[in-house]
Amino acid sequence: MAFREQRDIGQSFLEYAIMLVLIAVIVVAILLIVGDDVRIFVRDLLQTWFPPSP
């Protein structure tokens, strides 16, 4: 019975690891597709919040 519980714990850990890897791949893909737009948006937002000193 104890062996089955350890295997279940290992299986759930593996499932979480696979989910994290898939999420990371999706995030990287999104950043590669819209990376420049995000960079420009953040730059404009920061310039609005913190305008350059004259």
N, C-alpha and C. Protein backbone atom coordinates (compact mmCIF):
# COMPACT_ATOMS: atom_id res chain seq x y z
N MET A 1 0.82 -1.20 0.00
CA MET A 1 0.00 0.00 0.00
C MET A 1 0.87 1.27 0.00
N ALA A 2 1.99 1.25 0.75
CA ALA A 2 2.86 2.43 0.81
C ALA A 2 3.50 2.69 -0.55
N PHE A 3 3.85 1.61 -1.27
CA PHE A 3 4.48 1.78 -2.59
C PHE A 3 3.53 2.49 -3.54
N ARG A 4 2.26 2.16 -3.49
CA ARG A 4 1.28 2.79 -4.37
C ARG A 4 1.16 4.28 -4.05
N GLU A 5 1.18 4.64 -2.77
CA GLU A 5 1.07 6.05 -2.41
C GLU A 5 2.29 6.82 -2.89
N GLN A 6 3.49 6.24 -2.79
CA GLN A 6 4.69 6.93 -3.28
C GLN A 6 4.63 7.10 -4.79
N ARG A 7 4.15 6.10 -5.51
CA ARG A 7 4.05 6.20 -6.96
C ARG A 7 3.05 7.28 -7.35
N ASP A 8 1.95 7.37 -6.62
CA ASP A 8 0.96 8.41 -6.91
C ASP A 8 1.54 9.80 -6.69
N ILE A 9 2.35 9.95 -5.64
CA ILE A 9 2.98 11.25 -5.38
C ILE A 9 3.95 11.59 -6.51
N GLY A 10 4.75 10.61 -6.93
CA GLY A 10 5.69 10.84 -8.03
C GLY A 10 4.97 11.15 -9.32
N GLN A 11 3.86 10.50 -9.54
CA GLN A 11 3.10 10.74 -10.77
C GLN A 11 2.53 12.16 -10.75
N SER A 12 2.00 12.60 -9.62
CA SER A 12 1.44 13.95 -9.57
C SER A 12 2.55 14.99 -9.74
N PHE A 13 3.74 14.72 -9.18
CA PHE A 13 4.87 15.64 -9.36
C PHE A 13 5.25 15.73 -10.84
N LEU A 14 5.27 14.60 -11.50
CA LEU A 14 5.60 14.58 -12.92
C LEU A 14 4.56 15.35 -13.73
N GLU A 15 3.30 15.21 -13.38
CA GLU A 15 2.25 15.94 -14.09
C GLU A 15 2.42 17.44 -13.91
N TYR A 16 2.75 17.88 -12.69
CA TYR A 16 2.97 19.31 -12.45
C TYR A 16 4.18 19.80 -13.25
N ALA A 17 5.23 19.00 -13.31
CA ALA A 17 6.42 19.39 -14.05
C ALA A 17 6.11 19.53 -15.53
N ILE A 18 5.35 18.59 -16.08
CA ILE A 18 4.98 18.67 -17.50
C ILE A 18 4.12 19.90 -17.76
N MET A 19 3.20 20.19 -16.86
CA MET A 19 2.35 21.38 -17.03
C MET A 19 3.19 22.65 -17.00
N LEU A 20 4.17 22.73 -16.08
CA LEU A 20 5.02 23.91 -16.01
C LEU A 20 5.85 24.08 -17.27
N VAL A 21 6.36 22.98 -17.81
CA VAL A 21 7.13 23.05 -19.04
C VAL A 21 6.26 23.53 -20.19
N LEU A 22 5.05 23.00 -20.30
CA LEU A 22 4.15 23.42 -21.37
C LEU A 22 3.79 24.90 -21.25
N ILE A 23 3.54 25.36 -20.03
CA ILE A 23 3.22 26.78 -19.82
C ILE A 23 4.42 27.64 -20.20
N ALA A 24 5.63 27.21 -19.83
CA ALA A 24 6.83 27.97 -20.17
C ALA A 24 7.01 28.05 -21.68
N VAL A 25 6.77 26.96 -22.38
CA VAL A 25 6.90 26.96 -23.84
C VAL A 25 5.88 27.91 -24.46
N ILE A 26 4.67 27.91 -23.96
CA ILE A 26 3.63 28.80 -24.48
C ILE A 26 4.00 30.26 -24.23
N VAL A 27 4.50 30.57 -23.04
CA VAL A 27 4.88 31.95 -22.72
C VAL A 27 6.03 32.40 -23.62
N VAL A 28 7.02 31.55 -23.82
CA VAL A 28 8.13 31.91 -24.70
C VAL A 28 7.64 32.14 -26.12
N ALA A 29 6.74 31.29 -26.60
CA ALA A 29 6.21 31.45 -27.95
C ALA A 29 5.46 32.78 -28.08
N ILE A 30 4.66 33.11 -27.09
CA ILE A 30 3.92 34.38 -27.13
C ILE A 30 4.89 35.56 -27.13
N LEU A 31 5.93 35.48 -26.28
CA LEU A 31 6.89 36.58 -26.24
C LEU A 31 7.66 36.70 -27.55
N LEU A 32 7.95 35.60 -28.20
CA LEU A 32 8.63 35.67 -29.49
C LEU A 32 7.74 36.30 -30.56
N ILE A 33 6.44 36.05 -30.46
CA ILE A 33 5.51 36.57 -31.47
C ILE A 33 5.25 38.06 -31.25
N VAL A 34 4.98 38.47 -30.01
CA VAL A 34 4.60 39.85 -29.74
C VAL A 34 5.64 40.58 -28.88
N GLY A 35 6.85 40.11 -28.85
CA GLY A 35 7.89 40.68 -27.98
C GLY A 35 8.15 42.14 -28.24
N ASP A 36 8.29 42.52 -29.50
CA ASP A 36 8.58 43.92 -29.81
C ASP A 36 7.43 44.83 -29.40
N ASP A 37 6.21 44.40 -29.61
CA ASP A 37 5.05 45.21 -29.21
C ASP A 37 5.01 45.40 -27.71
N VAL A 38 5.31 44.35 -26.96
CA VAL A 38 5.32 44.44 -25.49
C VAL A 38 6.43 45.38 -25.04
N ARG A 39 7.61 45.27 -25.64
CA ARG A 39 8.73 46.13 -25.28
C ARG A 39 8.39 47.60 -25.53
N ILE A 40 7.79 47.89 -26.67
CA ILE A 40 7.40 49.27 -27.01
C ILE A 40 6.32 49.77 -26.05
N PHE A 41 5.35 48.92 -25.72
CA PHE A 41 4.29 49.31 -24.80
C PHE A 41 4.87 49.64 -23.43
N VAL A 42 5.77 48.81 -22.91
CA VAL A 42 6.36 49.05 -21.59
C VAL A 42 7.20 50.32 -21.61
N ARG A 43 7.96 50.53 -22.69
CA ARG A 43 8.77 51.74 -22.78
C ARG A 43 7.90 52.99 -22.76
N ASP A 44 6.82 52.97 -23.56
CA ASP A 44 5.91 54.12 -23.59
C ASP A 44 5.23 54.34 -22.25
N LEU A 45 4.84 53.26 -21.60
CA LEU A 45 4.19 53.37 -20.30
C LEU A 45 5.14 53.96 -19.26
N LEU A 46 6.38 53.50 -19.24
CA LEU A 46 7.35 54.03 -18.29
C LEU A 46 7.69 55.49 -18.58
N GLN A 47 7.74 55.87 -19.86
CA GLN A 47 7.99 57.27 -20.18
C GLN A 47 6.82 58.15 -19.77
N THR A 48 5.62 57.59 -19.80
CA THR A 48 4.45 58.36 -19.35
C THR A 48 4.48 58.53 -17.83
N TRP A 49 4.80 57.47 -17.12
CA TRP A 49 4.83 57.53 -15.65
C TRP A 49 6.02 58.31 -15.15
N PHE A 50 7.17 58.14 -15.77
CA PHE A 50 8.39 58.79 -15.34
C PHE A 50 9.01 59.53 -16.52
N PRO A 51 8.50 60.74 -16.81
CA PRO A 51 9.02 61.48 -17.97
C PRO A 51 10.49 61.84 -17.76
N PRO A 52 11.25 61.86 -18.87
CA PRO A 52 12.68 62.19 -18.74
C PRO A 52 12.87 63.62 -18.23
N SER A 53 13.92 63.81 -17.45
CA SER A 53 14.21 65.15 -16.91
C SER A 53 14.77 66.02 -18.03
N PRO A 54 14.38 67.32 -18.01
CA PRO A 54 14.91 68.23 -19.04
C PRO A 54 16.35 68.60 -18.82
